[in-house]
C-alpha atoms as a PDB file:
ATOM      1  CA  UNK A   1      88.824 121.183  97.142  1.00  0.00           C
ATOM      2  CA  UNK A   2      87.470 123.579  94.532  1.00  0.00           C
ATOM      3  CA  UNK A   3      84.128 124.097  96.354  1.00  0.00           C
ATOM      4  CA  UNK A   4      86.061 124.923  99.529  1.00  0.00           C
ATOM      5  CA  UNK A   5      88.285 127.395  97.679  1.00  0.00           C
ATOM      6  CA  UNK A   6      85.260 129.121  96.116  1.00  0.00           C
ATOM      7  CA  UNK A   7      83.502 129.329  99.503  1.00  0.00           C
ATOM      8  CA  UNK A   8      86.634 130.730 101.152  1.00  0.00           C
ATOM      9  CA  UNK A   9      87.019 133.381  98.480  1.00  0.00           C
ATOM     10  CA  UNK A  10      83.351 134.393  98.833  1.00  0.00           C
ATOM     11  CA  UNK A  11      83.589 134.502 102.628  1.00  0.00           C
ATOM     12  CA  UNK A  12      86.716 136.676 102.656  1.00  0.00           C
ATOM     13  CA  UNK A  13      85.934 139.162  99.927  1.00  0.00           C
ATOM     14  CA  UNK A  14      85.775 142.769 101.068  1.00  0.00           C
ATOM     15  CA  UNK A  15      82.336 144.427 101.157  1.00  0.00           C
ATOM     16  CA  UNK A  16      81.697 145.752  97.664  1.00  0.00           C
ATOM     17  CA  UNK A  17      84.889 144.027  96.519  1.00  0.00           C
ATOM     18  CA  UNK A  18      85.593 141.887  93.516  1.00  0.00           C
ATOM     19  CA  UNK A  19      85.325 138.146  93.074  1.00  0.00           C
ATOM     20  CA  UNK A  20      88.429 137.213  95.069  1.00  0.00           C
ATOM     21  CA  UNK A  21      88.990 137.855  98.759  1.00  0.00           C
ATOM     22  CA  UNK A  22      91.277 140.757  99.554  1.00  0.00           C
ATOM     23  CA  UNK A  23      92.227 139.714 103.071  1.00  0.00           C
ATOM     24  CA  UNK A  24      93.097 136.090 102.274  1.00  0.00           C
ATOM     25  CA  UNK A  25      95.337 134.756  99.518  1.00  0.00           C
ATOM     26  CA  UNK A  26      94.201 131.292  98.376  1.00  0.00           C
ATOM     27  CA  UNK A  27      96.416 129.001  96.340  1.00  0.00           C
ATOM     28  CA  UNK A  28      96.089 125.375  95.255  1.00  0.00           C
ATOM     29  CA  UNK A  29      98.898 122.869  94.793  1.00  0.00           C
ATOM     30  CA  UNK A  30      99.177 121.342  91.333  1.00  0.00           C
ATOM     31  CA  UNK A  31     100.786 117.937  91.757  1.00  0.00           C
ATOM     32  CA  UNK A  32     103.370 116.959  89.137  1.00  0.00           C
ATOM     33  CA  UNK A  33     103.028 113.232  89.889  1.00  0.00           C
ATOM     34  CA  UNK A  34     100.080 111.139  91.031  1.00  0.00           C
ATOM     35  CA  UNK A  35     100.319 109.372  94.370  1.00  0.00           C
ATOM     36  CA  UNK A  36     102.740 109.561  97.260  1.00  0.00           C
ATOM     37  CA  UNK A  37     105.229 107.222  95.528  1.00  0.00           C
ATOM     38  CA  UNK A  38     106.888 105.683  98.568  1.00  0.00           C
ATOM     39  CA  UNK A  39     110.062 107.242  99.938  1.00  0.00           C
ATOM     40  CA  UNK A  40     110.182 109.767  97.080  1.00  0.00           C
ATOM     41  CA  UNK A  41     107.134 111.491  98.622  1.00  0.00           C
ATOM     42  CA  UNK A  42     106.425 113.384  95.390  1.00  0.00           C
ATOM     43  CA  UNK A  43     103.348 115.113  96.816  1.00  0.00           C
ATOM     44  CA  UNK A  44     105.405 116.500  99.712  1.00  0.00           C
ATOM     45  CA  UNK A  45     107.953 117.997  97.322  1.00  0.00           C
ATOM     46  CA  UNK A  46     105.166 119.577  95.276  1.00  0.00           C
ATOM     47  CA  UNK A  47     103.642 121.054  98.458  1.00  0.00           C
ATOM     48  CA  UNK A  48     107.020 122.434  99.575  1.00  0.00           C
ATOM     49  CA  UNK A  49     107.564 123.990  96.133  1.00  0.00           C
ATOM     50  CA  UNK A  50     104.109 125.603  96.378  1.00  0.00           C
ATOM     51  CA  UNK A  51     104.988 127.013  99.818  1.00  0.00           C
ATOM     52  CA  UNK A  52     108.226 128.435  98.391  1.00  0.00           C
ATOM     53  CA  UNK A  53     106.285 130.112  95.570  1.00  0.00           C
ATOM     54  CA  UNK A  54     103.747 131.473  98.064  1.00  0.00           C
ATOM     55  CA  UNK A  55     106.565 132.877 100.198  1.00  0.00           C
ATOM     56  CA  UNK A  56     108.010 134.658  97.167  1.00  0.00           C
ATOM     57  CA  UNK A  57     104.583 136.042  96.256  1.00  0.00           C
ATOM     58  CA  UNK A  58     103.237 137.041  99.669  1.00  0.00           C
ATOM     59  CA  UNK A  59     106.252 137.272 101.962  1.00  0.00           C
ATOM     60  CA  UNK A  60     106.317 136.018 105.538  1.00  0.00           C
ATOM     61  CA  UNK A  61     102.615 135.643 106.282  1.00  0.00           C
ATOM     62  CA  UNK A  62     100.756 133.036 108.341  1.00  0.00           C
ATOM     63  CA  UNK A  63      99.834 130.032 106.202  1.00  0.00           C
ATOM     64  CA  UNK A  64      97.017 127.513 106.653  1.00  0.00           C
ATOM     65  CA  UNK A  65      97.445 124.199 104.876  1.00  0.00           C
ATOM     66  CA  UNK A  66      94.358 122.243 103.918  1.00  0.00           C
ATOM     67  CA  UNK A  67      94.065 119.010 102.031  1.00  0.00           C
ATOM     68  CA  UNK A  68      91.946 115.957 101.418  1.00  0.00           C
ATOM     69  CA  UNK A  69      93.334 112.433 101.335  1.00  0.00           C
ATOM     70  CA  UNK A  70      96.851 112.577  99.849  1.00  0.00           C
ATOM     71  CA  UNK A  71      96.719 116.378  99.932  1.00  0.00           C
ATOM     72  CA  UNK A  72      96.098 116.258 103.686  1.00  0.00           C
ATOM     73  CA  UNK A  73      99.089 113.958 104.102  1.00  0.00           C
ATOM     74  CA  UNK A  74     101.236 116.346 102.075  1.00  0.00           C
ATOM     75  CA  UNK A  75      99.959 119.334 104.097  1.00  0.00           C
ATOM     76  CA  UNK A  76     100.749 117.673 107.425  1.00  0.00           C
ATOM     77  CA  UNK A  77     104.210 116.608 106.305  1.00  0.00           C
ATOM     78  CA  UNK A  78     104.947 120.061 104.846  1.00  0.00           C
ATOM     79  CA  UNK A  79     103.874 121.746 108.091  1.00  0.00           C
ATOM     80  CA  UNK A  80     106.341 119.596 110.027  1.00  0.00           C
ATOM     81  CA  UNK A  81     109.179 119.886 107.511  1.00  0.00           C
ATOM     82  CA  UNK A  82     112.405 121.277 109.075  1.00  0.00           C
ATOM     83  CA  UNK A  83     112.808 123.924 106.361  1.00  0.00           C
ATOM     84  CA  UNK A  84     109.507 125.504 107.475  1.00  0.00           C
ATOM     85  CA  UNK A  85     110.132 125.626 111.222  1.00  0.00           C
ATOM     86  CA  UNK A  86     110.122 129.441 111.171  1.00  0.00           C
ATOM     87  CA  UNK A  87     107.629 129.978 108.340  1.00  0.00           C
ATOM     88  CA  UNK A  88     104.488 129.355 110.438  1.00  0.00           C
ATOM     89  CA  UNK A  89     102.502 126.869 108.313  1.00  0.00           C
ATOM     90  CA  UNK A  90      99.495 125.585 110.262  1.00  0.00           C
ATOM     91  CA  UNK A  91      97.547 122.447 109.361  1.00  0.00           C
ATOM     92  CA  UNK A  92      93.842 122.222 110.146  1.00  0.00           C
ATOM     93  CA  UNK A  93      93.484 119.075 112.235  1.00  0.00           C
ATOM     94  CA  UNK A  94      90.174 117.944 113.758  1.00  0.00           C
ATOM     95  CA  UNK A  95      90.018 118.325 117.537  1.00  0.00           C
ATOM     96  CA  UNK A  96      90.242 115.194 119.614  1.00  0.00           C
ATOM     97  CA  UNK A  97      92.767 113.384 117.429  1.00  0.00           C
ATOM     98  CA  UNK A  98      95.587 111.686 119.377  1.00  0.00           C
ATOM     99  CA  UNK A  99      99.211 112.596 118.855  1.00  0.00           C
ATOM    100  CA  UNK A 100     100.878 115.450 117.047  1.00  0.00           C
ATOM    101  CA  UNK A 101     100.446 114.830 113.302  1.00  0.00           C
ATOM    102  CA  UNK A 102     102.395 117.963 112.365  1.00  0.00           C
ATOM    103  CA  UNK A 103     105.507 116.634 114.086  1.00  0.00           C
ATOM    104  CA  UNK A 104     106.129 114.006 111.410  1.00  0.00           C
ATOM    105  CA  UNK A 105     108.034 110.726 111.723  1.00  0.00           C
END
């Protein structure tokens, strides 16, 4: 994900601006535990904690969740989590996929 984050920061930086983008705030989730860990869903809880921290830092702004492998699973589950119904998280899901992955189980 680091190459994506660097590319996003370069693409969103203001003309003549510094290293980081000024129009887009980019944050990465640091997972406390490795793996999904069954019903505990540790990665989901880490993603929700990161969204809480982002909300405290940036306020009520639109959020795009992006992940690879387990991170994508955590992003999709976080986007469909009941506590974020009004917070506007949006997963990036490839077009043409059946179903509604953000809805959750």
